Structure formats: C-alpha cells, structure tokens
C-alpha cells in the first residue's frame, strides 16, 4: 500500500499529500498502472478524514496523475501521449 511521506508543517495536509503523490509518481516509486489504496483505507491508515483523501484523489485526476473507475479503483496514469 502506498505510504505517503507527510509531516507537520505550515503546508495544508491535502497539499502535502498531492505533492507526495506527484513526487512518488515522478520518481517511479509509483509506476504507471499502480493501484492506489481505496480512499477509506488510506484515510484510516493515515488517521485523517476521508474527505481529505477524496480531495487529493480528485486533484490528482484533474492534474492527469490518476485515472479512476467506479468499482475498480484509482490507478497511476500512464505517460502523456
């Protein structure tokens, strides 16, 4: 399961999470096609609200980092063509 690196600081948690996701995708830690954990599972693991994770996944989709299909889950998007 993806374990984002976040720390307490001045930056809002959702910004830290989207930055961690983008960084892990860029570094290859999360290669294209990797499945991300369900939002509720990640929220539980990080001890944060589901709404925060939902916001992060939505922003990642908007930026083209993720694709999502209801019933299948969220996956790291492939390289832009």
Protein backbone atom coordinates (compact mmCIF):
# COMPACT_ATOMS: atom_id res chain seq x y z
CA UNK A 1 0.00 0.00 0.00
CA UNK A 2 1.24 3.47 -0.87
CA UNK A 3 2.59 5.25 2.21
CA UNK A 4 2.94 8.99 1.52
CA UNK A 5 5.59 10.96 3.34
CA UNK A 6 3.87 13.79 5.21
CA UNK A 7 5.00 15.84 8.15
CA UNK A 8 3.60 18.55 10.33
CA UNK A 9 4.25 21.96 8.92
CA UNK A 10 2.82 25.15 7.54
CA UNK A 11 1.55 23.48 4.36
CA UNK A 12 -2.02 22.07 4.49
CA UNK A 13 -2.23 18.28 4.68
CA UNK A 14 -4.03 17.89 1.34
CA UNK A 15 -1.24 19.89 -0.36
CA UNK A 16 1.39 17.69 1.28
CA UNK A 17 -0.41 14.56 0.08
CA UNK A 18 -0.78 15.72 -3.54
CA UNK A 19 2.88 16.75 -3.52
CA UNK A 20 3.89 13.34 -2.14
CA UNK A 21 1.80 11.58 -4.77
CA UNK A 22 3.28 13.64 -7.62
CA UNK A 23 6.80 13.11 -6.25
CA UNK A 24 6.34 9.34 -5.92
CA UNK A 25 4.96 9.11 -9.46
CA UNK A 26 7.80 11.22 -10.88
CA UNK A 27 10.46 9.17 -9.06
CA UNK A 28 9.00 5.86 -10.25
CA UNK A 29 8.05 4.72 -6.75
CA UNK A 30 4.51 4.55 -8.15
CA UNK A 31 4.88 3.40 -11.77
CA UNK A 32 2.06 3.76 -14.34
CA UNK A 33 -0.73 1.28 -13.69
CA UNK A 34 -0.07 1.03 -9.95
CA UNK A 35 -3.28 0.81 -7.99
CA UNK A 36 -3.70 3.24 -5.12
CA UNK A 37 -5.45 2.17 -1.94
CA UNK A 38 -9.17 2.86 -1.61
CA UNK A 39 -9.81 6.29 -0.15
CA UNK A 40 -11.25 4.95 3.10
CA UNK A 41 -8.31 2.59 3.62
CA UNK A 42 -5.74 5.34 3.09
CA UNK A 43 -7.65 7.74 5.36
CA UNK A 44 -7.79 5.08 8.09
CA UNK A 45 -4.08 4.27 7.74
CA UNK A 46 -3.09 7.96 7.90
CA UNK A 47 -5.67 8.70 10.63
CA UNK A 48 -7.24 11.52 8.63
CA UNK A 49 -10.68 12.24 7.25
CA UNK A 50 -11.92 10.54 4.10
CA UNK A 51 -12.79 13.96 2.68
CA UNK A 52 -9.12 14.93 2.68
CA UNK A 53 -8.14 11.84 0.69
CA UNK A 54 -11.10 12.35 -1.66
CA UNK A 55 -9.90 15.91 -2.32
CA UNK A 56 -6.36 14.66 -3.03
CA UNK A 57 -7.52 11.93 -5.44
CA UNK A 58 -9.82 14.40 -7.24
CA UNK A 59 -6.98 16.91 -7.65
CA UNK A 60 -4.65 14.14 -8.86
CA UNK A 61 -7.23 13.15 -11.50
CA UNK A 62 -7.60 16.79 -12.53
CA UNK A 63 -3.81 17.02 -12.99
CA UNK A 64 -3.77 13.81 -15.01
CA UNK A 65 -1.80 11.85 -12.41
CA UNK A 66 -4.53 9.28 -11.78
CA UNK A 67 -7.35 7.54 -13.55
CA UNK A 68 -10.30 6.14 -11.65
CA UNK A 69 -13.13 3.77 -12.45
CA UNK A 70 -16.02 3.12 -10.10
CA UNK A 71 -15.76 -0.44 -8.87
CA UNK A 72 -12.13 -0.89 -10.00
CA UNK A 73 -10.29 1.84 -8.10
CA UNK A 74 -7.70 4.53 -8.73
CA UNK A 75 -4.57 3.91 -10.77
CA UNK A 76 -1.47 5.89 -11.66
CA UNK A 77 -1.97 7.25 -15.17
CA UNK A 78 0.37 6.26 -17.97
CA UNK A 79 2.72 8.71 -19.67
CA UNK A 80 1.07 11.53 -21.56
CA UNK A 81 0.86 10.87 -25.29
